[in-house]
N, C-alpha and C. Protein backbone atom coordinates (compact mmCIF):
# COMPACT_ATOMS: atom_id res chain seq x y z
N UNK A 1 101.29 136.48 131.39
CA UNK A 1 102.55 136.04 131.97
C UNK A 1 103.64 137.01 131.54
N UNK A 2 104.67 137.07 132.29
CA UNK A 2 105.84 137.91 132.09
C UNK A 2 106.54 137.56 130.76
N UNK A 3 106.90 138.56 129.97
CA UNK A 3 107.53 138.32 128.67
C UNK A 3 108.91 137.68 128.82
N UNK A 4 109.65 138.05 129.85
CA UNK A 4 110.97 137.45 130.09
C UNK A 4 110.81 135.95 130.34
N UNK A 5 109.84 135.58 131.15
CA UNK A 5 109.55 134.18 131.45
C UNK A 5 109.20 133.43 130.16
N UNK A 6 108.28 133.98 129.41
CA UNK A 6 107.82 133.34 128.17
C UNK A 6 108.99 133.15 127.20
N UNK A 7 109.79 134.20 127.00
CA UNK A 7 110.92 134.12 126.06
C UNK A 7 111.95 133.08 126.52
N UNK A 8 112.23 133.04 127.82
CA UNK A 8 113.21 132.09 128.35
C UNK A 8 112.74 130.65 128.17
N UNK A 9 111.48 130.38 128.50
CA UNK A 9 110.95 129.02 128.37
C UNK A 9 110.93 128.60 126.90
N UNK A 10 110.52 129.49 126.04
CA UNK A 10 110.50 129.20 124.60
C UNK A 10 111.92 128.88 124.10
N UNK A 11 112.89 129.67 124.53
CA UNK A 11 114.28 129.45 124.13
C UNK A 11 114.78 128.09 124.62
N UNK A 12 114.48 127.75 125.89
CA UNK A 12 114.93 126.47 126.43
C UNK A 12 114.32 125.31 125.66
N UNK A 13 113.04 125.40 125.34
CA UNK A 13 112.37 124.33 124.60
C UNK A 13 112.98 124.18 123.21
N UNK A 14 113.27 125.29 122.55
CA UNK A 14 113.85 125.25 121.21
C UNK A 14 115.27 124.68 121.22
N UNK A 15 116.00 124.94 122.31
CA UNK A 15 117.38 124.45 122.43
C UNK A 15 117.43 122.96 122.81
N UNK A 16 116.33 122.42 123.31
CA UNK A 16 116.32 121.02 123.74
C UNK A 16 116.89 120.83 125.14
N UNK A 17 116.66 121.83 126.00
CA UNK A 17 117.14 121.76 127.38
C UNK A 17 116.38 120.67 128.14
N UNK A 18 117.07 120.00 129.06
CA UNK A 18 116.51 118.94 129.89
C UNK A 18 115.21 119.42 130.56
N UNK A 19 114.17 118.60 130.49
CA UNK A 19 112.87 118.95 131.05
C UNK A 19 112.94 119.24 132.55
N UNK A 20 113.79 118.49 133.26
CA UNK A 20 113.93 118.70 134.71
C UNK A 20 114.48 120.10 134.99
N UNK A 21 115.45 120.53 134.19
CA UNK A 21 116.02 121.87 134.35
C UNK A 21 114.94 122.92 134.09
N UNK A 22 114.18 122.73 133.01
CA UNK A 22 113.13 123.69 132.67
C UNK A 22 112.12 123.81 133.82
N UNK A 23 111.68 122.68 134.34
CA UNK A 23 110.71 122.71 135.43
C UNK A 23 111.29 123.41 136.66
N UNK A 24 112.55 123.13 136.96
CA UNK A 24 113.20 123.80 138.08
C UNK A 24 113.30 125.29 137.86
N UNK A 25 113.69 125.68 136.65
CA UNK A 25 113.82 127.10 136.33
C UNK A 25 112.48 127.81 136.47
N UNK A 26 111.42 127.18 135.96
CA UNK A 26 110.09 127.78 136.06
C UNK A 26 109.68 127.96 137.52
N UNK A 27 109.88 126.94 138.34
CA UNK A 27 109.50 127.03 139.76
C UNK A 27 110.32 128.09 140.48
N UNK A 28 111.61 128.17 140.21
CA UNK A 28 112.45 129.18 140.83
C UNK A 28 112.06 130.58 140.40
N UNK A 29 111.81 130.76 139.12
CA UNK A 29 111.43 132.06 138.58
C UNK A 29 110.14 132.55 139.23
N UNK A 30 109.18 131.64 139.38
CA UNK A 30 107.87 131.99 139.93
C UNK A 30 107.85 131.94 141.46
N UNK A 31 108.98 131.63 142.06
CA UNK A 31 109.14 131.54 143.52
C UNK A 31 108.19 130.52 144.15
N UNK A 32 108.00 129.42 143.44
CA UNK A 32 107.23 128.30 143.99
C UNK A 32 108.12 127.52 144.94
N UNK A 33 107.54 126.80 145.89
CA UNK A 33 108.38 125.96 146.75
C UNK A 33 109.02 124.84 145.94
N UNK A 34 110.19 124.38 146.41
CA UNK A 34 110.86 123.26 145.74
C UNK A 34 110.04 121.99 145.91
N UNK A 35 110.34 121.02 145.05
CA UNK A 35 109.72 119.69 145.15
C UNK A 35 110.11 119.04 146.47
N UNK A 36 109.43 117.92 146.76
CA UNK A 36 109.81 117.12 147.92
C UNK A 36 111.23 116.61 147.70
N UNK A 37 111.94 116.40 148.78
CA UNK A 37 113.36 116.03 148.72
C UNK A 37 113.63 114.80 147.85
N UNK A 38 112.77 113.79 147.92
CA UNK A 38 113.02 112.55 147.17
C UNK A 38 112.83 112.74 145.66
N UNK A 39 112.24 113.84 145.24
CA UNK A 39 112.03 114.08 143.81
C UNK A 39 113.00 115.11 143.22
N UNK A 40 113.95 115.59 144.04
CA UNK A 40 114.92 116.57 143.55
C UNK A 40 115.97 115.88 142.69
N UNK A 41 116.35 116.53 141.61
CA UNK A 41 117.41 116.02 140.74
C UNK A 41 118.41 117.15 140.53
N UNK A 42 119.60 116.79 140.07
CA UNK A 42 120.62 117.82 139.82
C UNK A 42 120.16 118.86 138.81
N UNK A 43 119.58 118.46 137.66
CA UNK A 43 119.12 119.47 136.71
C UNK A 43 118.01 120.36 137.29
N UNK A 44 117.10 119.76 138.05
CA UNK A 44 116.01 120.54 138.66
C UNK A 44 116.57 121.60 139.60
N UNK A 45 117.50 121.18 140.47
CA UNK A 45 118.05 122.12 141.45
C UNK A 45 118.86 123.23 140.76
N UNK A 46 119.60 122.89 139.71
CA UNK A 46 120.35 123.90 138.96
C UNK A 46 119.39 124.89 138.31
N UNK A 47 118.31 124.35 137.72
CA UNK A 47 117.30 125.21 137.11
C UNK A 47 116.62 126.10 138.13
N UNK A 48 116.32 125.54 139.28
CA UNK A 48 115.66 126.31 140.34
C UNK A 48 116.53 127.49 140.76
N UNK A 49 117.81 127.24 140.96
CA UNK A 49 118.73 128.31 141.36
C UNK A 49 118.82 129.39 140.29
N UNK A 50 118.94 128.97 139.02
CA UNK A 50 119.01 129.95 137.93
C UNK A 50 117.70 130.72 137.80
N UNK A 51 116.58 130.02 137.98
CA UNK A 51 115.28 130.69 137.90
C UNK A 51 115.10 131.72 138.98
N UNK A 52 115.54 131.41 140.19
CA UNK A 52 115.45 132.38 141.29
C UNK A 52 116.21 133.65 140.96
N UNK A 53 117.35 133.49 140.27
CA UNK A 53 118.18 134.63 139.90
C UNK A 53 117.75 135.25 138.58
N UNK A 54 116.74 134.64 137.94
CA UNK A 54 116.25 135.08 136.64
C UNK A 54 117.37 135.05 135.59
N UNK A 55 118.26 134.06 135.75
CA UNK A 55 119.43 133.93 134.88
C UNK A 55 119.13 133.01 133.70
N UNK A 56 119.60 133.43 132.53
CA UNK A 56 119.46 132.61 131.33
C UNK A 56 120.84 132.15 130.83
N UNK A 57 121.87 132.33 131.65
CA UNK A 57 123.25 132.07 131.23
C UNK A 57 123.62 130.60 131.12
N UNK A 58 122.93 129.71 131.83
CA UNK A 58 123.36 128.31 131.90
C UNK A 58 122.51 127.34 131.08
N UNK A 59 121.63 127.83 130.25
CA UNK A 59 120.75 126.94 129.47
C UNK A 59 121.55 125.92 128.68
N UNK A 60 122.61 126.36 128.02
CA UNK A 60 123.38 125.48 127.14
C UNK A 60 124.02 124.32 127.91
N UNK A 61 124.27 124.50 129.19
CA UNK A 61 124.86 123.42 130.00
C UNK A 61 123.91 122.26 130.19
N UNK A 62 122.64 122.44 129.94
CA UNK A 62 121.63 121.42 130.22
C UNK A 62 120.91 120.93 128.96
N UNK A 63 121.49 121.19 127.80
CA UNK A 63 120.91 120.68 126.56
C UNK A 63 121.11 119.18 126.51
N UNK A 64 120.03 118.45 126.19
CA UNK A 64 120.12 116.98 126.11
C UNK A 64 120.88 116.60 124.84
N UNK A 65 121.78 115.66 124.99
CA UNK A 65 122.60 115.22 123.85
C UNK A 65 121.81 114.32 122.93
């Protein structure tokens, strides 16, 4: 697997980022199709968009309190 992908996922897990965001980011990064419409959530969609752009800038916005 890509080192950038591995490092990003590891960082998100260590930071306590929302699981939905992580799953979205992974799918976007890997260019997988989005989930079915009824299963989309705000964190998932935000993660998907960031993953498509290969962006790691918004992880802190999705840390679970």
